[in-house]
Amino acid sequence: MSESQDIESVCETIEKDYSPCDVSDALLKLGIPSAGYLRDIVPLPTRLGSHTRIVAPISTVLFVDKTHKPGSTYRGLDVPSETNLPPDKHFTDIAPSGSAVIMQQPSHQTAALVGDIVATRFKVRGISSIVIDGRVRDVVGCGELCKDDKLQVWSKAISSSGTSLEAKPWAVDVPLRIGEVVVKPGDVLVADEGEMVCCVIPKERLGDVMGLLPKHKKADDGLLQDVQNGMGFKEAIKRWPGHYTNH
């Protein structure tokens, strides 16, 4: 994908026409680890029944232990030796409006990274989604903030305790590793509350994904129609050689 292409318009096209499952099928074809799927991260339980989909460029926030010592690594990635947070700004002030913020904390922690106050600040600034590789709290309050479908909040788990119990923000817009997926700032998040899954498109493969999506979608829809009409799966899949995933 050339630099001149409009990321915003690409995100709008994916949001309108393709699910995270469609996107992961394309990423699987391209050999992307875990097909870009962010495992075990789900929307708020209060959002059950919502079908909102958000596709947006990613900004990241890395949290560390309060006793963090510089010079360490985390999940195989180097942690910056010094914090890159501006001294005059809160971590909620960094990500550009319209972006998806992916946050990560050490897996042993039980504190929440986001509650209703942090989520409110992000929403006021125009952040489209908050994805936490970790914990959230104030689920009811955060769910209220999502009611107009202009914000999504996703997490792995829930907590009652605030961040300061054991974590502190350390770096913004650095690579994170979630399972086998390395998430970099500028990559694209595809999050669908109805499907209850989200995935990440590496920025450098966005053009390749856009080239595959229409062909795969056509084959996927055709295969489904044939099976609905009573055709055997093996016979149907021969009619759609562009369909390259198992269902």
Protein backbone atom coordinates (compact mmCIF):
# COMPACT_ATOMS: atom_id res chain seq x y z
CA MET A 1 0.00 0.00 0.00
CA SER A 2 1.46 3.34 -1.07
CA GLU A 3 1.88 6.21 1.35
CA SER A 4 -0.51 8.26 -0.77
CA GLN A 5 -3.44 5.97 -0.08
CA ASP A 6 -5.94 7.26 2.45
CA ILE A 7 -5.86 5.12 5.61
CA GLU A 8 -9.13 6.65 6.78
CA SER A 9 -11.01 5.64 3.63
CA VAL A 10 -9.56 2.12 3.80
CA CYS A 11 -10.73 1.81 7.41
CA GLU A 12 -14.20 3.01 6.37
CA THR A 13 -14.36 0.39 3.60
CA ILE A 14 -13.39 -2.45 5.94
CA GLU A 15 -15.80 -1.23 8.63
CA LYS A 16 -18.67 -1.16 6.12
CA ASP A 17 -18.02 -4.36 4.17
CA TYR A 18 -15.88 -6.84 6.11
CA SER A 19 -15.90 -8.56 9.50
CA PRO A 20 -12.84 -9.44 11.60
CA CYS A 21 -13.33 -13.01 10.39
CA ASP A 22 -13.03 -11.87 6.77
CA VAL A 23 -9.90 -9.93 7.67
CA SER A 24 -8.34 -12.84 9.56
CA ASP A 25 -8.96 -15.10 6.56
CA ALA A 26 -6.92 -12.69 4.44
CA LEU A 27 -4.20 -12.45 7.10
CA LEU A 28 -4.05 -16.25 7.28
CA LYS A 29 -3.47 -16.36 3.53
CA LEU A 30 -0.63 -13.87 4.02
CA GLY A 31 0.98 -15.96 6.77
CA ILE A 32 0.45 -13.41 9.56
CA PRO A 33 0.86 -15.05 13.02
CA SER A 34 -2.49 -16.04 14.59
CA ALA A 35 -4.15 -14.41 11.55
CA GLY A 36 -3.94 -11.14 13.52
CA TYR A 37 -6.41 -12.34 16.17
CA LEU A 38 -6.05 -10.77 19.63
CA ARG A 39 -6.87 -13.79 21.74
CA ASP A 40 -9.16 -13.75 24.77
CA ILE A 41 -9.94 -10.02 24.47
CA VAL A 42 -13.70 -9.40 24.40
CA PRO A 43 -16.13 -6.46 24.57
CA LEU A 44 -17.76 -5.38 27.82
CA PRO A 45 -20.39 -7.84 29.07
CA THR A 46 -22.85 -4.92 29.22
CA ARG A 47 -22.51 -4.64 25.41
CA LEU A 48 -23.96 -8.09 24.72
CA GLY A 49 -26.25 -7.78 21.70
CA SER A 50 -24.42 -4.82 20.15
CA HIS A 51 -23.30 -5.15 16.55
CA THR A 52 -21.02 -2.11 16.41
CA ARG A 53 -17.87 -2.48 14.32
CA ILE A 54 -14.93 -0.09 14.54
CA VAL A 55 -11.86 -0.05 12.30
CA ALA A 56 -9.11 2.43 13.17
CA PRO A 57 -5.34 3.04 13.28
CA ILE A 58 -3.69 1.96 16.51
CA SER A 59 -1.84 3.84 19.22
CA THR A 60 -0.34 1.81 22.08
CA VAL A 61 0.28 2.29 25.80
CA LEU A 62 2.57 -0.03 27.77
CA PHE A 63 2.19 -0.31 31.55
CA VAL A 64 4.82 -1.81 33.84
CA ASP A 65 5.06 -2.78 37.50
CA LYS A 66 5.32 0.07 39.97
CA THR A 67 8.71 -1.40 40.94
CA HIS A 68 9.84 -1.56 37.30
CA LYS A 69 13.59 -1.41 36.73
CA PRO A 70 14.79 0.04 33.40
CA GLY A 71 16.59 -2.21 30.95
CA SER A 72 14.14 -5.12 31.02
CA THR A 73 12.27 -6.97 28.32
CA TYR A 74 8.62 -7.99 28.30
CA ARG A 75 7.17 -10.80 26.20
CA GLY A 76 10.30 -10.83 24.10
CA LEU A 77 10.20 -7.14 23.25
CA ASP A 78 12.53 -4.48 24.62
CA VAL A 79 11.01 -2.06 27.08
CA PRO A 80 12.31 1.50 26.60
CA SER A 81 15.01 2.21 29.18
CA GLU A 82 13.32 5.52 29.96
CA THR A 83 9.67 6.48 29.88
CA ASN A 84 8.70 8.43 26.78
CA LEU A 85 5.63 10.01 28.37
CA PRO A 86 5.85 13.81 28.24
CA PRO A 87 6.08 15.12 31.82
CA ASP A 88 3.26 17.60 31.20
CA LYS A 89 0.79 15.08 29.74
CA HIS A 90 -1.31 12.16 30.96
CA PHE A 91 -1.16 8.97 28.89
CA THR A 92 -4.75 9.64 27.77
CA ASP A 93 -3.60 12.83 26.02
CA ILE A 94 -1.26 11.23 23.47
CA ALA A 95 -3.24 9.17 20.95
CA PRO A 96 -4.70 11.11 17.99
CA SER A 97 -8.45 11.56 17.74
CA GLY A 98 -10.06 8.70 15.81
CA SER A 99 -7.47 6.13 16.80
CA ALA A 100 -7.85 2.85 18.66
CA VAL A 101 -5.80 2.68 21.86
CA ILE A 102 -4.37 -0.73 22.76
CA MET A 103 -3.09 -0.95 26.33
CA GLN A 104 -1.06 -3.72 27.96
CA GLN A 105 -0.10 -4.57 31.53
CA PRO A 106 2.00 -7.42 32.99
CA SER A 107 -0.09 -10.59 32.93
CA HIS A 108 0.25 -11.24 36.69
CA GLN A 109 -1.42 -7.97 37.66
CA THR A 110 -4.99 -7.78 38.98
CA ALA A 111 -5.43 -3.99 38.83
CA ALA A 112 -7.53 -2.37 36.12
CA LEU A 113 -5.95 -0.06 33.57
CA VAL A 114 -9.22 1.62 32.62
CA GLY A 115 -12.25 2.78 34.60
CA ASP A 116 -15.06 5.17 33.75
CA ILE A 117 -12.93 8.31 34.27
CA VAL A 118 -10.12 7.22 31.94
CA ALA A 119 -12.69 5.96 29.43
CA THR A 120 -14.50 9.31 29.60
CA ARG A 121 -11.28 11.20 28.89
CA PHE A 122 -10.56 8.99 25.89
CA LYS A 123 -14.09 9.45 24.55
CA VAL A 124 -13.99 13.24 24.98
CA ARG A 125 -10.77 13.24 22.94
CA GLY A 126 -12.42 11.26 20.13
CA ILE A 127 -10.75 7.89 20.69
CA SER A 128 -12.78 5.21 18.88
CA SER A 129 -11.92 2.17 20.95
CA ILE A 130 -9.98 1.07 24.02
CA VAL A 131 -8.56 -2.45 23.89
CA ILE A 132 -6.93 -3.70 27.08
CA ASP A 133 -4.60 -6.67 27.20
CA GLY A 134 -5.45 -6.79 30.88
CA ARG A 135 -8.27 -5.58 33.11
CA VAL A 136 -11.06 -2.98 33.18
CA ARG A 137 -13.32 -1.79 35.99
CA ASP A 138 -16.48 0.36 36.29
CA VAL A 139 -18.09 -1.89 33.70
CA VAL A 140 -21.52 -0.27 34.03
CA GLY A 141 -20.12 3.23 33.66
CA CYS A 142 -17.92 2.27 30.73
CA GLY A 143 -20.89 0.55 29.11
CA GLU A 144 -22.90 3.78 29.36
CA LEU A 145 -20.13 5.60 27.51
CA CYS A 146 -20.43 3.08 24.67
CA LYS A 147 -24.18 3.43 24.20
CA ASP A 148 -23.95 5.90 21.32
CA ASP A 149 -21.62 3.45 19.48
CA LYS A 150 -18.86 6.07 19.24
CA LEU A 151 -16.62 4.15 21.65
CA GLN A 152 -15.84 0.51 22.32
CA VAL A 153 -14.11 -0.93 25.40
CA TRP A 154 -12.56 -4.40 25.22
CA SER A 155 -10.56 -6.32 27.83
CA LYS A 156 -9.38 -9.75 28.95
CA ALA A 157 -10.79 -9.50 32.47
CA ILE A 158 -12.42 -7.31 35.12
CA SER A 159 -11.17 -5.89 38.42
CA SER A 160 -12.30 -3.67 41.28
CA SER A 161 -8.90 -2.11 41.99
CA GLY A 162 -7.41 0.93 40.30
CA THR A 163 -4.20 1.07 38.29
CA SER A 164 -2.10 2.58 41.07
CA LEU A 165 -2.33 -0.64 43.08
CA GLU A 166 0.50 -2.16 41.06
CA ALA A 167 0.96 -0.56 37.62
CA LYS A 168 2.17 2.63 36.03
CA PRO A 169 2.18 3.87 32.42
CA TRP A 170 5.65 3.71 30.93
CA ALA A 171 5.65 4.11 27.17
CA VAL A 172 3.34 5.12 24.35
CA ASP A 173 3.44 4.07 20.69
CA VAL A 174 5.81 1.16 21.22
CA PRO A 175 5.33 -2.42 19.92
CA LEU A 176 3.29 -4.78 22.10
CA ARG A 177 3.04 -8.56 21.88
CA ILE A 178 -0.37 -10.13 22.47
CA GLY A 179 -0.06 -13.89 22.08
CA GLU A 180 1.79 -14.36 18.79
CA VAL A 181 0.66 -11.01 17.42
CA VAL A 182 3.07 -8.06 17.53
CA VAL A 183 1.01 -4.87 17.53
CA LYS A 184 2.74 -1.73 16.28
CA PRO A 185 1.56 1.87 16.31
CA GLY A 186 -0.06 2.64 12.96
CA ASP A 187 -1.37 -0.90 12.50
CA VAL A 188 -5.14 -1.16 12.05
CA LEU A 189 -7.61 -2.61 14.56
CA VAL A 190 -10.76 -4.37 13.36
CA ALA A 191 -13.16 -4.85 16.30
CA ASP A 192 -16.72 -6.15 16.01
CA GLU A 193 -18.90 -6.36 19.13
CA GLY A 194 -21.42 -8.61 17.40
CA GLU A 195 -18.78 -11.16 16.47
CA MET A 196 -17.06 -10.56 19.85
CA VAL A 197 -13.60 -10.75 18.26
CA CYS A 198 -10.95 -8.27 17.21
CA CYS A 199 -7.84 -8.54 15.05
CA VAL A 200 -4.96 -6.38 13.86
CA ILE A 201 -3.79 -5.70 10.31
CA PRO A 202 -0.08 -4.83 10.08
CA LYS A 203 0.17 -1.44 8.39
CA GLU A 204 2.67 -2.73 5.84
CA ARG A 205 0.23 -5.48 4.75
CA LEU A 206 -2.87 -3.31 4.53
CA GLY A 207 -2.69 -3.08 0.74
CA ASP A 208 -2.31 -6.86 0.43
CA VAL A 209 -5.31 -7.41 2.70
CA MET A 210 -7.44 -5.00 0.68
CA GLY A 211 -6.50 -6.87 -2.47
CA LEU A 212 -7.61 -10.21 -1.00
CA LEU A 213 -10.79 -9.20 0.79
CA PRO A 214 -13.18 -8.78 -2.19
CA LYS A 215 -12.13 -12.08 -3.77
CA HIS A 216 -12.40 -13.96 -0.52
CA LYS A 217 -15.76 -12.40 0.37
CA LYS A 218 -17.22 -13.40 -2.99
CA ALA A 219 -15.99 -16.97 -2.58
CA ASP A 220 -17.14 -17.12 1.04
CA ASP A 221 -20.64 -15.92 0.19
CA GLY A 222 -20.86 -18.29 -2.77
CA LEU A 223 -19.77 -21.27 -0.73
CA LEU A 224 -22.31 -20.46 1.98
CA GLN A 225 -25.10 -20.18 -0.59
CA ASP A 226 -24.20 -23.54 -2.14
CA VAL A 227 -24.18 -25.27 1.25
CA GLN A 228 -27.50 -23.63 2.17
CA ASN A 229 -28.91 -25.04 -1.08
CA GLY A 230 -27.95 -28.55 0.00
CA MET A 231 -24.68 -29.05 -1.85
CA GLY A 232 -22.04 -31.18 -0.12
CA PHE A 233 -19.14 -29.24 1.35
CA LYS A 234 -16.43 -30.90 -0.73
CA GLU A 235 -18.38 -30.36 -3.94
CA ALA A 236 -19.16 -26.75 -3.04
CA ILE A 237 -15.61 -25.83 -2.15
CA LYS A 238 -14.41 -27.06 -5.56
CA ARG A 239 -16.63 -24.39 -7.09
CA TRP A 240 -14.92 -21.69 -5.07
CA PRO A 241 -11.13 -22.17 -5.27
CA GLY A 242 -10.62 -18.70 -3.81
CA HIS A 243 -11.99 -19.93 -0.51
CA TYR A 244 -8.93 -20.87 1.53
CA THR A 245 -10.11 -21.32 5.11
CA ASN A 246 -11.96 -24.02 6.99
CA HIS A 247 -15.47 -23.29 8.30
